[in-house]
Protein backbone atom coordinates (compact mmCIF):
# COMPACT_ATOMS: atom_id res chain seq x y z
CA MET A 1 -16.40 4.69 -5.15
CA ILE A 2 -13.80 6.84 -6.90
CA SER A 3 -13.21 7.83 -10.53
CA THR A 4 -10.37 9.04 -12.72
CA ALA A 5 -11.54 12.60 -12.04
CA ASP A 6 -11.07 12.06 -8.28
CA VAL A 7 -7.52 10.88 -8.86
CA GLU A 8 -6.77 13.84 -11.12
CA LEU A 9 -8.05 16.20 -8.42
CA ALA A 10 -5.87 14.45 -5.86
CA ALA A 11 -2.85 14.85 -8.14
CA ALA A 12 -3.43 18.60 -8.29
CA ARG A 13 -3.80 18.79 -4.50
CA ILE A 14 -0.64 16.93 -3.57
CA ARG A 15 1.64 18.25 -6.32
CA GLY A 16 4.84 19.45 -4.70
CA ARG A 17 4.11 17.51 -1.51
CA VAL A 18 5.07 14.05 -2.78
CA ARG A 19 7.83 12.77 -5.01
CA ARG A 20 7.21 11.99 -8.64
CA THR A 21 8.95 8.65 -8.35
CA PRO A 22 10.91 7.39 -11.35
CA VAL A 23 10.14 4.51 -13.69
CA PHE A 24 12.91 2.07 -14.54
CA ALA A 25 12.86 0.16 -17.83
CA ALA A 26 14.07 -3.22 -16.60
CA ASP A 27 13.70 -5.23 -19.80
CA ASP A 28 11.95 -4.97 -23.15
CA GLY A 29 8.29 -4.46 -22.31
CA LEU A 30 8.82 -4.38 -18.52
CA TRP A 31 8.89 -1.31 -16.28
CA PHE A 32 9.21 -0.84 -12.54
CA LYS A 33 7.50 2.12 -10.88
CA LEU A 34 9.92 2.89 -8.04
CA GLU A 35 7.41 3.96 -5.41
CA GLN A 36 9.63 2.58 -2.65
CA LEU A 37 11.50 5.88 -3.10
CA GLN A 38 8.45 7.84 -1.92
CA HIS A 39 8.48 9.77 1.39
CA THR A 40 8.52 7.34 4.36
CA GLY A 41 9.35 4.48 1.99
CA SER A 42 5.93 3.68 0.52
CA PHE A 43 3.10 4.95 -1.67
CA LYS A 44 1.03 5.69 1.45
CA ALA A 45 2.27 9.29 1.64
CA ARG A 46 0.14 10.16 -1.40
CA GLY A 47 -3.12 9.21 0.26
CA ALA A 48 -2.20 10.79 3.58
CA PHE A 49 -1.50 14.16 1.98
CA ASN A 50 -4.67 14.05 -0.09
CA ARG A 51 -6.81 13.15 2.91
CA ILE A 52 -5.44 16.01 5.02
CA ILE A 53 -5.54 18.65 2.27
CA ALA A 54 -9.06 17.68 1.16
CA ALA A 55 -10.34 17.99 4.73
CA GLY A 56 -9.51 21.70 4.91
CA GLU A 57 -9.05 23.40 8.25
CA LEU A 58 -8.56 20.93 11.09
CA SER A 59 -9.05 21.17 14.84
CA ALA A 60 -6.18 21.40 17.30
CA ALA A 61 -6.51 17.63 17.76
CA GLY A 62 -4.96 17.17 14.31
CA VAL A 63 -5.07 13.72 12.75
CA VAL A 64 -5.34 10.17 13.99
CA ALA A 65 -4.67 6.78 12.39
CA ALA A 66 -4.56 3.13 13.33
CA SER A 67 -1.51 1.44 11.87
CA GLY A 68 1.57 -0.42 12.93
CA GLY A 69 3.21 0.14 9.59
CA ASN A 70 3.42 2.19 6.42
CA ALA A 71 0.08 4.01 6.70
CA GLY A 72 0.92 5.33 10.14
CA LEU A 73 4.33 6.52 8.98
CA ALA A 74 2.74 8.35 6.06
CA VAL A 75 0.13 10.08 8.22
CA ALA A 76 2.78 11.11 10.76
CA HIS A 77 4.98 12.53 7.98
CA ALA A 78 2.15 14.47 6.34
CA ALA A 79 1.00 15.85 9.69
CA ARG A 80 4.51 17.03 10.51
CA GLU A 81 4.73 18.81 7.14
CA PHE A 82 1.59 20.79 8.02
CA GLY A 83 2.50 21.35 11.66
CA LEU A 84 -0.40 19.20 12.85
CA ALA A 85 -0.63 16.96 15.87
CA ALA A 86 -0.65 13.27 14.95
CA ARG A 87 -1.70 10.34 17.10
CA VAL A 88 -1.21 6.79 15.85
CA PHE A 89 -2.76 3.78 17.57
CA VAL A 90 -0.86 0.54 17.04
CA PRO A 91 -1.15 -3.00 18.41
CA ALA A 92 1.51 -4.13 20.83
CA THR A 93 2.70 -6.55 18.13
CA ALA A 94 3.71 -3.72 15.77
CA PRO A 95 7.36 -3.85 14.61
CA VAL A 96 9.57 -2.00 17.09
CA VAL A 97 11.49 -0.27 14.29
CA LYS A 98 8.30 1.23 12.84
CA VAL A 99 7.06 2.38 16.25
CA ALA A 100 10.38 4.11 16.80
CA LYS A 101 10.12 5.78 13.39
CA LEU A 102 6.60 7.02 14.20
CA ARG A 103 7.96 8.73 17.29
CA GLN A 104 10.86 10.19 15.30
CA LEU A 105 8.29 11.76 12.98
CA GLY A 106 6.68 13.46 15.97
CA ALA A 107 3.59 11.27 16.34
CA ALA A 108 2.13 10.35 19.71
CA VAL A 109 2.02 6.55 19.71
CA GLU A 110 -0.64 4.63 21.61
CA LEU A 111 -0.08 0.88 22.07
CA VAL A 112 -3.48 -0.79 22.31
CA GLY A 113 -4.25 -4.50 22.44
CA GLU A 114 -2.67 -7.36 20.54
CA LYS A 115 -4.58 -7.02 17.26
CA TYR A 116 -5.04 -4.27 14.72
CA ALA A 117 -8.81 -4.30 15.25
CA GLU A 118 -8.33 -3.13 18.84
CA ALA A 119 -6.05 -0.28 17.77
CA TYR A 120 -8.51 0.63 15.01
CA ASP A 121 -11.45 0.84 17.43
CA ALA A 122 -9.41 3.01 19.79
CA ALA A 123 -8.43 5.36 16.96
CA VAL A 124 -12.04 5.74 15.78
CA LYS A 125 -13.13 6.50 19.34
CA HIS A 126 -10.35 9.07 19.74
CA ALA A 127 -11.44 10.78 16.52
CA ALA A 128 -15.06 10.94 17.74
CA ASP A 129 -14.08 12.23 21.19
CA SER A 130 -11.43 14.75 20.14
CA GLY A 131 -12.50 15.93 16.70
CA ALA A 132 -9.25 14.69 15.15
CA LEU A 133 -9.38 13.77 11.46
CA PHE A 134 -9.40 9.99 11.10
CA CYS A 135 -7.17 8.67 8.31
CA HIS A 136 -8.06 5.12 7.32
CA ALA A 137 -5.22 2.90 6.16
CA TYR A 138 -6.94 2.03 2.87
CA ASP A 139 -10.73 2.47 2.72
CA GLN A 140 -11.53 6.18 2.37
CA PRO A 141 -12.16 7.91 -0.99
CA ASP A 142 -9.49 10.58 -0.49
CA ILE A 143 -6.94 7.98 0.64
CA CYS A 144 -7.59 5.76 -2.39
CA ALA A 145 -7.60 8.68 -4.83
CA GLY A 146 -4.28 9.89 -3.46
CA GLN A 147 -2.70 6.46 -3.88
CA GLY A 148 -3.95 6.39 -7.46
CA THR A 149 -1.86 9.40 -8.44
CA LEU A 150 1.09 7.10 -9.04
CA GLY A 151 -1.01 5.47 -11.77
CA LEU A 152 -1.36 8.77 -13.62
CA GLU A 153 2.41 9.26 -13.42
CA LEU A 154 3.00 5.74 -14.66
CA LEU A 155 0.87 6.24 -17.76
CA GLU A 156 3.03 9.21 -18.71
CA GLN A 157 6.37 7.68 -17.79
CA ALA A 158 5.97 4.19 -19.27
CA GLY A 159 4.15 5.19 -22.44
CA GLU A 160 0.77 3.63 -21.66
CA PRO A 161 1.50 0.06 -20.49
CA ASP A 162 -1.08 -2.61 -21.24
CA THR A 163 -1.07 -4.07 -17.73
CA ILE A 164 -0.09 -2.80 -14.29
CA LEU A 165 0.69 -5.28 -11.51
CA VAL A 166 0.11 -4.03 -7.96
CA ALA A 167 0.32 -5.71 -4.57
CA VAL A 168 -2.91 -5.89 -2.59
CA GLY A 169 -3.51 -5.75 1.15
CA GLY A 170 -6.59 -3.74 2.01
CA GLY A 171 -6.80 -2.59 -1.59
CA GLY A 172 -6.29 1.17 -1.40
CA LEU A 173 -3.50 1.09 -3.97
CA LEU A 174 -5.41 -1.16 -6.34
CA ALA A 175 -8.54 1.01 -6.05
CA GLY A 176 -6.64 4.20 -6.79
CA VAL A 177 -4.55 2.88 -9.66
CA ALA A 178 -7.46 1.04 -11.30
CA ALA A 179 -9.56 4.21 -11.16
CA ALA A 180 -6.67 6.33 -12.47
CA VAL A 181 -6.01 4.16 -15.53
CA GLU A 182 -9.59 3.01 -16.23
CA GLY A 183 -10.09 2.54 -19.96
CA ARG A 184 -6.35 2.91 -20.66
CA ALA A 185 -4.67 -0.06 -18.93
CA ARG A 186 -5.68 -3.18 -17.02
CA VAL A 187 -4.75 -3.62 -13.37
CA VAL A 188 -3.98 -7.00 -11.84
CA GLY A 189 -3.80 -7.38 -8.08
CA VAL A 190 -1.14 -9.71 -6.72
CA GLU A 191 -1.47 -11.19 -3.22
CA PRO A 192 0.27 -13.74 -1.03
CA ARG A 193 -1.75 -16.94 -0.75
CA SER A 194 -1.62 -16.31 2.99
CA CYS A 195 -3.35 -12.88 2.68
CA PRO A 196 -5.90 -13.28 -0.17
CA THR A 197 -8.37 -10.45 0.49
CA LEU A 198 -9.02 -9.49 -3.16
CA ASN A 199 -9.08 -13.06 -4.43
CA ALA A 200 -11.51 -14.12 -1.70
CA ALA A 201 -13.75 -11.10 -2.26
CA LEU A 202 -14.00 -11.68 -6.01
CA ALA A 203 -14.82 -15.35 -5.41
CA ALA A 204 -17.47 -14.54 -2.80
CA GLY A 205 -18.98 -11.56 -4.60
CA ALA A 206 -18.25 -9.26 -1.66
CA PRO A 207 -15.41 -8.51 0.78
CA VAL A 208 -15.08 -11.31 3.32
CA PRO A 209 -12.78 -11.87 6.32
CA VAL A 210 -9.65 -13.93 5.68
CA GLU A 211 -6.93 -15.39 7.87
CA VAL A 212 -3.57 -13.72 7.36
CA SER A 213 0.02 -14.81 7.88
CA GLY A 214 3.28 -15.00 6.01
CA VAL A 215 6.31 -12.96 5.04
CA ALA A 216 4.39 -9.92 3.75
CA ALA A 217 1.76 -9.74 6.48
CA ASP A 218 3.30 -6.67 8.09
CA SER A 219 2.31 -4.58 5.05
CA LEU A 220 -0.27 -6.67 3.15
CA GLY A 221 -1.95 -8.32 6.13
CA ALA A 222 -5.44 -6.81 5.91
CA THR A 223 -8.08 -9.24 7.13
CA ARG A 224 -10.72 -7.90 4.70
CA LEU A 225 -10.63 -6.05 1.38
CA GLY A 226 -11.89 -2.47 1.53
CA ASP A 227 -15.35 -1.72 0.14
CA ILE A 228 -13.95 0.93 -2.21
CA ALA A 229 -11.39 -1.49 -3.61
CA PHE A 230 -14.04 -4.12 -4.24
CA ALA A 231 -16.31 -1.65 -6.01
CA VAL A 232 -13.53 -0.32 -8.25
CA ALA A 233 -12.11 -3.78 -8.95
CA THR A 234 -15.46 -5.13 -10.11
CA ARG A 235 -16.26 -2.00 -12.13
CA THR A 236 -12.93 -1.99 -13.95
CA GLY A 237 -12.47 -5.76 -14.30
CA ALA A 238 -9.27 -5.87 -12.27
CA GLY A 239 -7.60 -9.26 -12.23
CA SER A 240 -6.32 -11.28 -9.28
CA VAL A 241 -3.43 -13.72 -8.92
CA LEU A 242 -1.84 -15.38 -5.89
CA VAL A 243 1.81 -16.11 -5.10
CA ASP A 244 3.58 -18.19 -2.46
CA ASP A 245 5.83 -16.74 0.23
CA THR A 246 8.81 -18.47 -1.40
CA ALA A 247 8.13 -16.63 -4.66
CA ILE A 248 7.90 -13.31 -2.81
CA LEU A 249 11.26 -13.82 -1.12
CA GLU A 250 12.86 -14.94 -4.39
CA ALA A 251 11.47 -11.86 -6.15
CA ARG A 252 12.80 -9.62 -3.41
CA ALA A 253 16.25 -11.20 -3.71
CA ALA A 254 16.13 -10.94 -7.52
CA LEU A 255 15.27 -7.25 -7.39
CA TRP A 256 18.35 -6.69 -5.27
CA ASP A 257 20.69 -9.06 -7.12
CA ARG A 258 19.72 -8.01 -10.66
CA TYR A 259 18.85 -4.34 -10.27
CA ARG A 260 20.06 -3.28 -6.81
CA LEU A 261 16.48 -2.34 -5.85
CA ALA A 262 15.78 -2.76 -2.13
CA VAL A 263 12.16 -3.46 -1.23
CA GLU A 264 10.22 -5.06 1.59
CA PRO A 265 8.43 -8.39 0.96
CA GLY A 266 5.15 -6.60 0.24
CA GLY A 267 6.97 -4.42 -2.26
CA ALA A 268 8.27 -7.48 -4.12
CA THR A 269 4.92 -9.27 -4.27
CA ALA A 270 3.77 -7.86 -7.61
CA PHE A 271 7.07 -8.82 -9.28
CA ALA A 272 6.78 -12.33 -7.83
CA ALA A 273 3.77 -12.94 -10.10
CA LEU A 274 6.00 -12.55 -13.15
CA LEU A 275 8.90 -14.61 -11.82
CA ASP A 276 6.87 -17.66 -10.80
CA GLY A 277 4.42 -17.56 -13.71
CA ALA A 278 1.31 -16.64 -11.73
CA TYR A 279 0.90 -13.92 -14.34
CA ARG A 280 2.06 -14.71 -17.88
CA PRO A 281 2.08 -11.72 -20.25
CA ALA A 282 0.89 -12.29 -23.79
CA PRO A 283 3.42 -11.84 -26.60
CA GLY A 284 4.19 -8.16 -26.95
CA GLU A 285 2.27 -7.19 -23.80
CA ARG A 286 3.72 -4.16 -22.03
CA VAL A 287 3.77 -4.68 -18.27
CA ALA A 288 4.51 -2.25 -15.45
CA VAL A 289 5.15 -3.44 -11.90
CA VAL A 290 4.65 -1.16 -8.90
CA LEU A 291 7.34 -1.61 -6.24
CA CYS A 292 5.30 -0.16 -3.43
CA GLY A 293 7.46 -0.16 -0.31
CA ALA A 294 10.99 -0.35 1.07
CA ASN A 295 10.64 -0.43 4.86
CA THR A 296 12.79 -3.51 5.29
CA ASP A 297 15.85 -4.90 7.01
CA PRO A 298 18.70 -4.61 4.46
CA ALA A 299 20.46 -7.57 6.06
CA THR A 300 17.83 -9.94 4.64
CA LEU A 301 17.91 -8.73 1.03
CA THR A 302 20.13 -11.46 -0.39
CA SER A 303 18.62 -14.45 1.41
CA PRO A 304 15.49 -15.72 -0.36
CA THR A 305 14.80 -18.21 2.44
CA ALA A 306 15.05 -15.80 5.36
CA ALA A 307 11.69 -14.29 6.23
CA PRO A 308 11.65 -11.22 8.48
CA PRO A 309 10.90 -12.84 11.89
CA ALA A 310 8.19 -10.37 12.94
CA ALA A 311 6.28 -10.91 9.71
CA ARG A 312 6.02 -14.69 9.65
CA THR A 313 2.71 -14.81 11.49
CA ALA A 314 0.29 -11.87 11.65
CA ARG A 315 -2.09 -11.33 14.54
CA GLY A 316 -4.05 -8.69 12.70
CA THR A 317 -3.82 -6.07 10.01
CA ARG A 318 -0.68 -3.98 9.89
CA CYS A 319 -1.17 -1.50 7.08
């Protein structure tokens, strides 16, 4: 469980380490938080820095993570900034471009198994054996609090929006933002119908395993909502809506065509809820949308029917 105070402490820790990403007033009553401009192309850098700084002095083994995507890139970047060793365990199905980027950032990459769960287990074992600091992709208090720092920025930049739409995978972003803005704005989680971890958890009364697939599975393809996200979502009354893959691709194309904003499918998911009517603002409601990631193939930006091939079917979580 995390609170607004935890997010405020995280903001103080990581100040100067992460970018204060801009907010763009798209239309009357609509803002975009441009978090795709963050280091390594996603909000994940915030949590990675907070986790490492909060841990204090680390062993020579440095840090370890399990991720074939944005979380691994963020941990590798933060470790490099502190001169720490970083080891990232990824499934063999991880996107080749992201594995190459991990190595460019100086991380030792371990390919383990076909599914994220196998890479995760190997990373946890490495942490226990070596003393390396384990950085979870989305379900650690310091990770969630770090992600929530963008919510504090958003309140200042957008003049206290009524509602904030965020994409949900494992729920670290939702947990952090909902805690950051508790009592000041409502948070609504937006998910692909093919990766409905929050929606399924709220329906079941607890996080439950879900099958994952679809165009955003490479970044939102968690198979279970994090415990912290569920606790914060239920405490704060966070909402949940679902969108189709077609709506996600159309939103991604619209962001490029209308505003020249390049995002990955997961980064367009929150905006998709507005375009297809999954979320309908009340008259006069002020809405902010978090564009959370931009690790994408630019060649696919203008084609709403072309899904990134590697993301069409997920074999496990890639966070």
